[in-house]
Amino acid sequence: VHEFVDGYVDRALESDEKKVHEGRYVFLD
């Protein structure tokens, strides 16, 4: 569980996820 969620967390911290999710609300952003 931790490794699965950490994958999304690391991606959000390392890149500008807002460009990927532009136009919709994402809680992690």
PDB file of all heavy atoms in Angstrom:
ATOM      1  N   VAL A   1       0.836  -1.206   0.000  1.00  0.00           N
ATOM      2  CA  VAL A   1       0.000   0.000   0.000  1.00  0.00           C
ATOM      3  C   VAL A   1       0.865   1.248   0.000  1.00  0.00           C
ATOM      4  O   VAL A   1       0.641   2.186  -0.785  1.00  0.00           O
ATOM      5  CB  VAL A   1      -0.943  -0.006   1.227  1.00  0.00           C
ATOM      6  CG1 VAL A   1      -1.630   1.352   1.389  1.00  0.00           C
ATOM      7  CG2 VAL A   1      -1.994  -1.101   1.079  1.00  0.00           C
ATOM      8  N   HIS A   2       1.867   1.295   0.865  1.00  0.00           N
ATOM      9  CA  HIS A   2       2.717   2.482   0.963  1.00  0.00           C
ATOM     10  C   HIS A   2       3.503   2.724  -0.326  1.00  0.00           C
ATOM     11  O   HIS A   2       3.600   3.856  -0.811  1.00  0.00           O
ATOM     12  CB  HIS A   2       3.678   2.343   2.143  1.00  0.00           C
ATOM     13  CG  HIS A   2       2.998   2.447   3.475  1.00  0.00           C
ATOM     14  ND1 HIS A   2       3.649   2.234   4.675  1.00  0.00           N
ATOM     15  CD2 HIS A   2       1.710   2.746   3.794  1.00  0.00           C
ATOM     16  CE1 HIS A   2       2.806   2.401   5.666  1.00  0.00           C
ATOM     17  NE2 HIS A   2       1.626   2.704   5.162  1.00  0.00           N
ATOM     18  N   GLU A   3       4.068   1.660  -0.894  1.00  0.00           N
ATOM     19  CA  GLU A   3       4.851   1.820  -2.121  1.00  0.00           C
ATOM     20  C   GLU A   3       3.968   2.282  -3.281  1.00  0.00           C
ATOM     21  O   GLU A   3       4.404   3.087  -4.111  1.00  0.00           O
ATOM     22  CB  GLU A   3       5.548   0.505  -2.476  1.00  0.00           C
ATOM     23  CG  GLU A   3       6.704   0.171  -1.559  1.00  0.00           C
ATOM     24  CD  GLU A   3       7.379  -1.134  -1.928  1.00  0.00           C
ATOM     25  OE1 GLU A   3       6.839  -1.849  -2.819  1.00  0.00           O
ATOM     26  OE2 GLU A   3       8.435  -1.447  -1.346  1.00  0.00           O
ATOM     27  N   PHE A   4       2.751   1.782  -3.341  1.00  0.00           N
ATOM     28  CA  PHE A   4       1.842   2.172  -4.417  1.00  0.00           C
ATOM     29  C   PHE A   4       1.518   3.659  -4.335  1.00  0.00           C
ATOM     30  O   PHE A   4       1.606   4.388  -5.329  1.00  0.00           O
ATOM     31  CB  PHE A   4       0.562   1.343  -4.325  1.00  0.00           C
ATOM     32  CG  PHE A   4      -0.368   1.537  -5.499  1.00  0.00           C
ATOM     33  CD1 PHE A   4      -0.211   0.786  -6.658  1.00  0.00           C
ATOM     34  CD2 PHE A   4      -1.393   2.463  -5.452  1.00  0.00           C
ATOM     35  CE1 PHE A   4      -1.063   0.952  -7.750  1.00  0.00           C
ATOM     36  CE2 PHE A   4      -2.251   2.639  -6.531  1.00  0.00           C
ATOM     37  CZ  PHE A   4      -2.091   1.884  -7.682  1.00  0.00           C
ATOM     38  N   VAL A   5       1.160   4.133  -3.144  1.00  0.00           N
ATOM     39  CA  VAL A   5       0.805   5.545  -2.972  1.00  0.00           C
ATOM     40  C   VAL A   5       2.040   6.429  -3.102  1.00  0.00           C
ATOM     41  O   VAL A   5       1.983   7.518  -3.688  1.00  0.00           O
ATOM     42  CB  VAL A   5       0.127   5.771  -1.609  1.00  0.00           C
ATOM     43  CG1 VAL A   5      -0.187   7.253  -1.395  1.00  0.00           C
ATOM     44  CG2 VAL A   5      -1.160   4.953  -1.517  1.00  0.00           C
ATOM     45  N   ASP A   6       3.176   5.972  -2.586  1.00  0.00           N
ATOM     46  CA  ASP A   6       4.415   6.753  -2.687  1.00  0.00           C
ATOM     47  C   ASP A   6       4.796   7.015  -4.138  1.00  0.00           C
ATOM     48  O   ASP A   6       5.407   8.045  -4.454  1.00  0.00           O
ATOM     49  CB  ASP A   6       5.564   6.017  -1.991  1.00  0.00           C
ATOM     50  CG  ASP A   6       5.476   6.118  -0.477  1.00  0.00           C
ATOM     51  OD1 ASP A   6       4.730   6.986   0.016  1.00  0.00           O
ATOM     52  OD2 ASP A   6       6.142   5.318   0.207  1.00  0.00           O
ATOM     53  N   GLY A   7       4.444   6.110  -5.044  1.00  0.00           N
ATOM     54  CA  GLY A   7       4.742   6.316  -6.460  1.00  0.00           C
ATOM     55  C   GLY A   7       4.057   7.564  -6.989  1.00  0.00           C
ATOM     56  O   GLY A   7       4.663   8.362  -7.723  1.00  0.00           O
ATOM     57  N   TYR A   8       2.792   7.765  -6.610  1.00  0.00           N
ATOM     58  CA  TYR A   8       2.071   8.964  -7.036  1.00  0.00           C
ATOM     59  C   TYR A   8       2.621  10.208  -6.343  1.00  0.00           C
ATOM     60  O   TYR A   8       2.730  11.278  -6.946  1.00  0.00           O
ATOM     61  CB  TYR A   8       0.584   8.814  -6.721  1.00  0.00           C
ATOM     62  CG  TYR A   8      -0.122   7.826  -7.616  1.00  0.00           C
ATOM     63  CD1 TYR A   8      -0.334   6.515  -7.202  1.00  0.00           C
ATOM     64  CD2 TYR A   8      -0.564   8.191  -8.882  1.00  0.00           C
ATOM     65  CE1 TYR A   8      -0.974   5.596  -8.018  1.00  0.00           C
ATOM     66  CE2 TYR A   8      -1.208   7.279  -9.711  1.00  0.00           C
ATOM     67  CZ  TYR A   8      -1.408   5.985  -9.275  1.00  0.00           C
ATOM     68  OH  TYR A   8      -2.043   5.084 -10.093  1.00  0.00           O
ATOM     69  N   VAL A   9       2.966  10.069  -5.062  1.00  0.00           N
ATOM     70  CA  VAL A   9       3.510  11.195  -4.305  1.00  0.00           C
ATOM     71  C   VAL A   9       4.828  11.654  -4.920  1.00  0.00           C
ATOM     72  O   VAL A   9       5.049  12.852  -5.145  1.00  0.00           O
ATOM     73  CB  VAL A   9       3.714  10.816  -2.822  1.00  0.00           C
ATOM     74  CG1 VAL A   9       4.506  11.904  -2.098  1.00  0.00           C
ATOM     75  CG2 VAL A   9       2.363  10.593  -2.146  1.00  0.00           C
ATOM     76  N   ASP A  10       5.718  10.715  -5.213  1.00  0.00           N
ATOM     77  CA  ASP A  10       7.018  11.065  -5.788  1.00  0.00           C
ATOM     78  C   ASP A  10       6.862  11.745  -7.141  1.00  0.00           C
ATOM     79  O   ASP A  10       7.570  12.713  -7.453  1.00  0.00           O
ATOM     80  CB  ASP A  10       7.875   9.808  -5.943  1.00  0.00           C
ATOM     81  CG  ASP A  10       8.313   9.230  -4.607  1.00  0.00           C
ATOM     82  OD1 ASP A  10       8.266   9.971  -3.609  1.00  0.00           O
ATOM     83  OD2 ASP A  10       8.689   8.043  -4.567  1.00  0.00           O
ATOM     84  N   ARG A  11       5.928  11.252  -7.941  1.00  0.00           N
ATOM     85  CA  ARG A  11       5.719  11.849  -9.255  1.00  0.00           C
ATOM     86  C   ARG A  11       5.212  13.282  -9.129  1.00  0.00           C
ATOM     87  O   ARG A  11       5.610  14.161  -9.886  1.00  0.00           O
ATOM     88  CB  ARG A  11       4.724  11.009 -10.060  1.00  0.00           C
ATOM     89  CG  ARG A  11       4.768  11.294 -11.547  1.00  0.00           C
ATOM     90  CD  ARG A  11       3.982  10.254 -12.310  1.00  0.00           C
ATOM     91  NE  ARG A  11       2.548  10.429 -12.137  1.00  0.00           N
ATOM     92  CZ  ARG A  11       1.634   9.605 -12.638  1.00  0.00           C
ATOM     93  NH1 ARG A  11       2.017   8.526 -13.288  1.00  0.00           N
ATOM     94  NH2 ARG A  11       0.353   9.835 -12.459  1.00  0.00           N
ATOM     95  N   ALA A  12       4.354  13.501  -8.135  1.00  0.00           N
ATOM     96  CA  ALA A  12       3.821  14.850  -7.923  1.00  0.00           C
ATOM     97  C   ALA A  12       4.901  15.799  -7.426  1.00  0.00           C
ATOM     98  O   ALA A  12       4.916  16.979  -7.777  1.00  0.00           O
ATOM     99  CB  ALA A  12       2.666  14.798  -6.929  1.00  0.00           C
ATOM    100  N   LEU A  13       5.813  15.289  -6.608  1.00  0.00           N
ATOM    101  CA  LEU A  13       6.875  16.122  -6.066  1.00  0.00           C
ATOM    102  C   LEU A  13       7.962  16.416  -7.099  1.00  0.00           C
ATOM    103  O   LEU A  13       8.606  17.472  -7.050  1.00  0.00           O
ATOM    104  CB  LEU A  13       7.509  15.442  -4.844  1.00  0.00           C
ATOM    105  CG  LEU A  13       6.631  15.339  -3.588  1.00  0.00           C
ATOM    106  CD1 LEU A  13       7.333  14.503  -2.532  1.00  0.00           C
ATOM    107  CD2 LEU A  13       6.307  16.730  -3.038  1.00  0.00           C
ATOM    108  N   GLU A  14       8.160  15.501  -8.024  1.00  0.00           N
ATOM    109  CA  GLU A  14       9.256  15.643  -8.981  1.00  0.00           C
ATOM    110  C   GLU A  14       8.869  16.378 -10.253  1.00  0.00           C
ATOM    111  O   GLU A  14       9.737  16.804 -11.012  1.00  0.00           O
ATOM    112  CB  GLU A  14       9.794  14.257  -9.354  1.00  0.00           C
ATOM    113  CG  GLU A  14      10.468  13.541  -8.187  1.00  0.00           C
ATOM    114  CD  GLU A  14      10.744  12.081  -8.487  1.00  0.00           C
ATOM    115  OE1 GLU A  14      10.457  11.667  -9.643  1.00  0.00           O
ATOM    116  OE2 GLU A  14      11.225  11.360  -7.591  1.00  0.00           O
ATOM    117  N   SER A  15       7.578  16.498 -10.512  1.00  0.00           N
ATOM    118  CA  SER A  15       7.154  17.139 -11.751  1.00  0.00           C
ATOM    119  C   SER A  15       5.989  18.072 -11.501  1.00  0.00           C
ATOM    120  O   SER A  15       5.396  18.093 -10.434  1.00  0.00           O
ATOM    121  CB  SER A  15       6.752  16.075 -12.786  1.00  0.00           C
ATOM    122  OG  SER A  15       5.653  15.324 -12.295  1.00  0.00           O
ATOM    123  N   ASP A  16       5.682  18.858 -12.495  1.00  0.00           N
ATOM    124  CA  ASP A  16       4.555  19.779 -12.413  1.00  0.00           C
ATOM    125  C   ASP A  16       3.296  19.042 -12.827  1.00  0.00           C
ATOM    126  O   ASP A  16       2.884  19.071 -13.983  1.00  0.00           O
ATOM    127  CB  ASP A  16       4.793  20.996 -13.314  1.00  0.00           C
ATOM    128  CG  ASP A  16       3.716  22.053 -13.137  1.00  0.00           C
ATOM    129  OD1 ASP A  16       2.804  21.829 -12.316  1.00  0.00           O
ATOM    130  OD2 ASP A  16       3.777  23.077 -13.813  1.00  0.00           O
ATOM    131  N   GLU A  17       2.671  18.374 -11.861  1.00  0.00           N
ATOM    132  CA  GLU A  17       1.492  17.562 -12.181  1.00  0.00           C
ATOM    133  C   GLU A  17       0.324  18.410 -12.666  1.00  0.00           C
ATOM    134  O   GLU A  17      -0.581  17.917 -13.313  1.00  0.00           O
ATOM    135  CB  GLU A  17       1.058  16.754 -10.946  1.00  0.00           C
ATOM    136  CG  GLU A  17       1.965  15.594 -10.639  1.00  0.00           C
ATOM    137  CD  GLU A  17       1.871  14.512 -11.707  1.00  0.00           C
ATOM    138  OE1 GLU A  17       0.804  13.917 -11.874  1.00  0.00           O
ATOM    139  OE2 GLU A  17       2.880  14.293 -12.380  1.00  0.00           O
ATOM    140  N   LYS A  18       0.332  19.687 -12.331  1.00  0.00           N
ATOM    141  CA  LYS A  18      -0.788  20.532 -12.738  1.00  0.00           C
ATOM    142  C   LYS A  18      -0.903  20.606 -14.257  1.00  0.00           C
ATOM    143  O   LYS A  18      -1.974  20.818 -14.800  1.00  0.00           O
ATOM    144  CB  LYS A  18      -0.637  21.926 -12.143  1.00  0.00           C
ATOM    145  CG  LYS A  18      -0.988  21.958 -10.652  1.00  0.00           C
ATOM    146  CD  LYS A  18      -1.151  23.373 -10.152  1.00  0.00           C
ATOM    147  CE  LYS A  18      -1.701  23.377  -8.736  1.00  0.00           C
ATOM    148  NZ  LYS A  18      -1.931  24.731  -8.236  1.00  0.00           N
ATOM    149  N   LYS A  19       0.216  20.437 -14.951  1.00  0.00           N
ATOM    150  CA  LYS A  19       0.157  20.436 -16.414  1.00  0.00           C
ATOM    151  C   LYS A  19      -0.578  19.191 -16.907  1.00  0.00           C
ATOM    152  O   LYS A  19      -1.272  19.235 -17.906  1.00  0.00           O
ATOM    153  CB  LYS A  19       1.579  20.482 -16.981  1.00  0.00           C
ATOM    154  CG  LYS A  19       2.293  21.809 -16.730  1.00  0.00           C
ATOM    155  CD  LYS A  19       3.691  21.784 -17.313  1.00  0.00           C
ATOM    156  CE  LYS A  19       4.405  23.111 -17.042  1.00  0.00           C
ATOM    157  NZ  LYS A  19       5.800  23.068 -17.559  1.00  0.00           N
ATOM    158  N   VAL A  20      -0.406  18.081 -16.173  1.00  0.00           N
ATOM    159  CA  VAL A  20      -1.068  16.831 -16.549  1.00  0.00           C
ATOM    160  C   VAL A  20      -2.552  16.900 -16.214  1.00  0.00           C
ATOM    161  O   VAL A  20      -3.413  16.461 -16.980  1.00  0.00           O
ATOM    162  CB  VAL A  20      -0.416  15.639 -15.819  1.00  0.00           C
ATOM    163  CG1 VAL A  20      -1.132  14.341 -16.184  1.00  0.00           C
ATOM    164  CG2 VAL A  20       1.063  15.562 -16.156  1.00  0.00           C
ATOM    165  N   HIS A  21      -2.865  17.467 -15.029  1.00  0.00           N
ATOM    166  CA  HIS A  21      -4.240  17.484 -14.537  1.00  0.00           C
ATOM    167  C   HIS A  21      -4.940  18.818 -14.796  1.00  0.00           C
ATOM    168  O   HIS A  21      -5.944  19.122 -14.163  1.00  0.00           O
ATOM    169  CB  HIS A  21      -4.257  17.200 -13.030  1.00  0.00           C
ATOM    170  CG  HIS A  21      -3.591  15.910 -12.670  1.00  0.00           C
ATOM    171  ND1 HIS A  21      -2.830  15.744 -11.536  1.00  0.00           N
ATOM    172  CD2 HIS A  21      -3.576  14.713 -13.318  1.00  0.00           C
ATOM    173  CE1 HIS A  21      -2.376  14.503 -11.490  1.00  0.00           C
ATOM    174  NE2 HIS A  21      -2.795  13.864 -12.559  1.00  0.00           N
ATOM    175  N   GLU A  22      -4.407  19.599 -15.684  1.00  0.00           N
ATOM    176  CA  GLU A  22      -4.957  20.929 -15.940  1.00  0.00           C
ATOM    177  C   GLU A  22      -6.443  20.850 -16.306  1.00  0.00           C
ATOM    178  O   GLU A  22      -6.869  20.020 -17.102  1.00  0.00           O
ATOM    179  CB  GLU A  22      -4.194  21.587 -17.094  1.00  0.00           C
ATOM    180  CG  GLU A  22      -4.536  23.058 -17.264  1.00  0.00           C
ATOM    181  CD  GLU A  22      -3.639  23.724 -18.295  1.00  0.00           C
ATOM    182  OE1 GLU A  22      -2.744  23.043 -18.831  1.00  0.00           O
ATOM    183  OE2 GLU A  22      -3.840  24.910 -18.543  1.00  0.00           O
ATOM    184  N   GLY A  23      -7.223  21.701 -15.668  1.00  0.00           N
ATOM    185  CA  GLY A  23      -8.653  21.758 -15.960  1.00  0.00           C
ATOM    186  C   GLY A  23      -9.516  20.933 -15.028  1.00  0.00           C
ATOM    187  O   GLY A  23     -10.743  20.976 -15.116  1.00  0.00           O
ATOM    188  N   ARG A  24      -8.907  20.158 -14.121  1.00  0.00           N
ATOM    189  CA  ARG A  24      -9.703  19.400 -13.156  1.00  0.00           C
ATOM    190  C   ARG A  24      -8.998  19.374 -11.807  1.00  0.00           C
ATOM    191  O   ARG A  24      -7.775  19.489 -11.718  1.00  0.00           O
ATOM    192  CB  ARG A  24      -9.964  17.979 -13.644  1.00  0.00           C
ATOM    193  CG  ARG A  24      -8.739  17.131 -13.872  1.00  0.00           C
ATOM    194  CD  ARG A  24      -9.089  15.870 -14.643  1.00  0.00           C
ATOM    195  NE  ARG A  24      -7.919  15.061 -14.924  1.00  0.00           N
ATOM    196  CZ  ARG A  24      -7.538  14.016 -14.204  1.00  0.00           C
ATOM    197  NH1 ARG A  24      -8.244  13.677 -13.136  1.00  0.00           N
ATOM    198  NH2 ARG A  24      -6.476  13.315 -14.541  1.00  0.00           N
ATOM    199  N   TYR A  25      -9.804  19.222 -10.761  1.00  0.00           N
ATOM    200  CA  TYR A  25      -9.266  19.234  -9.400  1.00  0.00           C
ATOM    201  C   TYR A  25      -8.741  17.850  -9.037  1.00  0.00           C
ATOM    202  O   TYR A  25      -9.432  16.847  -9.196  1.00  0.00           O
ATOM    203  CB  TYR A  25     -10.358  19.636  -8.405  1.00  0.00           C
ATOM    204  CG  TYR A  25      -9.886  19.649  -6.967  1.00  0.00           C
ATOM    205  CD1 TYR A  25      -9.285  20.789  -6.434  1.00  0.00           C
ATOM    206  CD2 TYR A  25     -10.025  18.530  -6.151  1.00  0.00           C
ATOM    207  CE1 TYR A  25      -8.841  20.809  -5.119  1.00  0.00           C
ATOM    208  CE2 TYR A  25      -9.586  18.533  -4.843  1.00  0.00           C
ATOM    209  CZ  TYR A  25      -8.995  19.674  -4.328  1.00  0.00           C
ATOM    210  OH  TYR A  25      -8.555  19.701  -3.028  1.00  0.00           O
ATOM    211  N   VAL A  26      -7.513  17.797  -8.553  1.00  0.00           N
ATOM    212  CA  VAL A  26      -6.915  16.561  -8.052  1.00  0.00           C
ATOM    213  C   VAL A  26      -6.419  16.842  -6.637  1.00  0.00           C
ATOM    214  O   VAL A  26      -5.673  17.789  -6.406  1.00  0.00           O
ATOM    215  CB  VAL A  26      -5.759  16.084  -8.954  1.00  0.00           C
ATOM    216  CG1 VAL A  26      -5.039  14.891  -8.330  1.00  0.00           C
ATOM    217  CG2 VAL A  26      -6.285  15.723 -10.340  1.00  0.00           C
ATOM    218  N   PHE A  27      -6.837  16.016  -5.694  1.00  0.00           N
ATOM    219  CA  PHE A  27      -6.541  16.256  -4.283  1.00  0.00           C
ATOM    220  C   PHE A  27      -5.042  16.323  -4.015  1.00  0.00           C
ATOM    221  O   PHE A  27      -4.574  17.154  -3.241  1.00  0.00           O
ATOM    222  CB  PHE A  27      -7.184  15.145  -3.444  1.00  0.00           C
ATOM    223  CG  PHE A  27      -7.101  15.367  -1.965  1.00  0.00           C
ATOM    224  CD1 PHE A  27      -7.865  16.351  -1.354  1.00  0.00           C
ATOM    225  CD2 PHE A  27      -6.267  14.578  -1.176  1.00  0.00           C
ATOM    226  CE1 PHE A  27      -7.797  16.558   0.016  1.00  0.00           C
ATOM    227  CE2 PHE A  27      -6.190  14.783   0.189  1.00  0.00           C
ATOM    228  CZ  PHE A  27      -6.960  15.767   0.789  1.00  0.00           C
ATOM    229  N   LEU A  28      -4.262  15.459  -4.650  1.00  0.00           N
ATOM    230  CA  LEU A  28      -2.820  15.437  -4.439  1.00  0.00           C
ATOM    231  C   LEU A  28      -2.184  16.758  -4.858  1.00  0.00           C
ATOM    232  O   LEU A  28      -1.268  17.253  -4.191  1.00  0.00           O
ATOM    233  CB  LEU A  28      -2.192  14.274  -5.205  1.00  0.00           C
ATOM    234  CG  LEU A  28      -0.675  14.126  -5.120  1.00  0.00           C
ATOM    235  CD1 LEU A  28      -0.204  14.048  -3.680  1.00  0.00           C
ATOM    236  CD2 LEU A  28      -0.221  12.879  -5.893  1.00  0.00           C
ATOM    237  N   ASP A  29      -2.662  17.349  -5.956  1.00  0.00           N
ATOM    238  CA  ASP A  29      -2.129  18.645  -6.398  1.00  0.00           C
ATOM    239  C   ASP A  29      -2.316  19.704  -5.313  1.00  0.00           C
ATOM    240  O   ASP A  29      -1.418  20.506  -5.040  1.00  0.00           O
ATOM    241  CB  ASP A  29      -2.844  19.102  -7.671  1.00  0.00           C
ATOM    242  CG  ASP A  29      -2.524  18.217  -8.867  1.00  0.00           C
ATOM    243  OD1 ASP A  29      -1.567  17.427  -8.775  1.00  0.00           O
ATOM    244  OD2 ASP A  29      -3.237  18.327  -9.875  1.00  0.00           O
TER     245      ASP A  29
END
